[in-house]
Amino acid sequence: MQKYISGTQAVKLVNSGDRVFFQGAAMTPVSLIKDLCQRYKELQNVEILQLHTEGEALYTQEPYSDAFNVNSCFVGSNVRKAVNKPSGDYIPIFLSEVHQLFRRNILPIDVAFIQVSPPDKHGYCSLGTSVDVTLPAIECAKKVVAQVNHKVPRTHGDGIIHVNQLDAMVEANEPIYATSIKEPSEIEKKIGKHVANLIEDGATLQMGIGGIPNVVLNNLTNHKNLGIHTEMFSDGILPLIEKGVINGREKAVKNGKIVTCFAIGSQKLYDFIDDNPIVHFKEAAYTNDTSLIRRNPKVTAINSAIEIDVTGQVCADTIGKFQYSGVGGQMDFIRGASLSEGGKAILAMPSITSKGISKIVPFLKEGAGVTTTRAHVHYIATENGVVDLFGKSLQQRAKALISIAHPDHQEELEKASYERFKS
């Protein structure tokens, strides 16, 4: 069977009423998605199931949105408005459990759209920098359409599939999505230094993308024998690998290896990843498995929040009723770090928003989701310092959190705390 066909031919495998999965992050098959959107007049009620995709997401825009509805397990900026409309929706779920939606046939997939490297001499393609939930999606989809891109790095780990698993292949030769490190703000620099001071030699790190994680990494140049077991990583780890600071020597799970389920960054990062046996790409069911995470020494998990109430309840995925991002892997790693020998679960955020609104609040906004419960929370860091809430009572937590709130809001928070606790 000749599997190489045009994109316009390949997208004809999608029918009205189908559920279609899109691979995400840097591996979003943008050209295939554009071809699919051109069929909007022929299709009706096609459900798009995805995590975080990159690109303009035409399927959320008129007139294409007449044919497509987004049902997302995570929310990026390109689909945020669509998810919050009646025609869109969001599934609250831990990243570690998304695979069960496919393997248990809770959400059967009709067609999976993915992006892969060209097959090697044995017929095997690489899923590149995004294995996460793509691997189980491919296993369970009725049909798989692959954008075969010569610019996709070949990665080591579990993200290897044979051409026999593909129903259609569309050739492409275009750069995958790339992003660069932005200069951190002064607030991010302060937070990053506070967090870096909590990290010990021999720690296993989990951190994401953005100003604060990059500042943390910049402050670790004098550390020794750090390891990486994470959901994702970006360019920030490269200087530490070059200096030998990150070597994974003390890791228990995949000693000496960088373990992740996806990566997103610059072309320099992708060049580093390409055919590099140090980096192991696994599915999210593995990377985010708390029982595996906790086996590593001194797991230090660094995550963020939209707002935290004075008792320690964390909202990291909504702004009130507005679905802003997703549950993701925060709880997977916070729990894994807390259970790790010498581990530290850290939530790092500015004390105020860009509009000057306090992110430490008396009560979460109406409709806000509790991403991480107050029973799971340990360290909280802002530019004003770090507090450890583990073992603290409600009143003690309030006092501790108020101490790292923005000075302009501390008096208001103290009044609210007194009204609540009469103390």
Foldseek 3Di string as FASTA:
>chain_A
DDFADALLVVLVLDAAPFEEEAFADLWGPVVSQVSNLVCQVVYAHYEYEYAHHDDQPCCQDPPSVRHYEYEYQKDDPNCQVRCPDPRYHYDADELLCPLCCQVVVVPQHAEYETEWEAADPVQKTFSAFAQANSVSNLVRYNAYEYAHENQGFHFAADRIDGCVSHRHYYYDYDHTDAAAADAADPFLLLLLVQLLVLDAAQEEEEDEDDSNVLSVLVPCQPHAAYEYLYAEEEDSCVVCVVSRRYQQCQFPPLRRAHEYQGYHHHVVVSVCRHVDPRYHHDYSNPSLALVRLQRTAQYEYEEEAQAAELQGQGFRAAQAQRGRIHLYRLVSRLSSQVNHHNGHYEYEDAQADPVRHGRYHNDHHHRTDRSDGSQSAAWYTTSQHIGGCPPPDSLRSNVVVLSSHPPVCSVVSVVSSCVVVVD
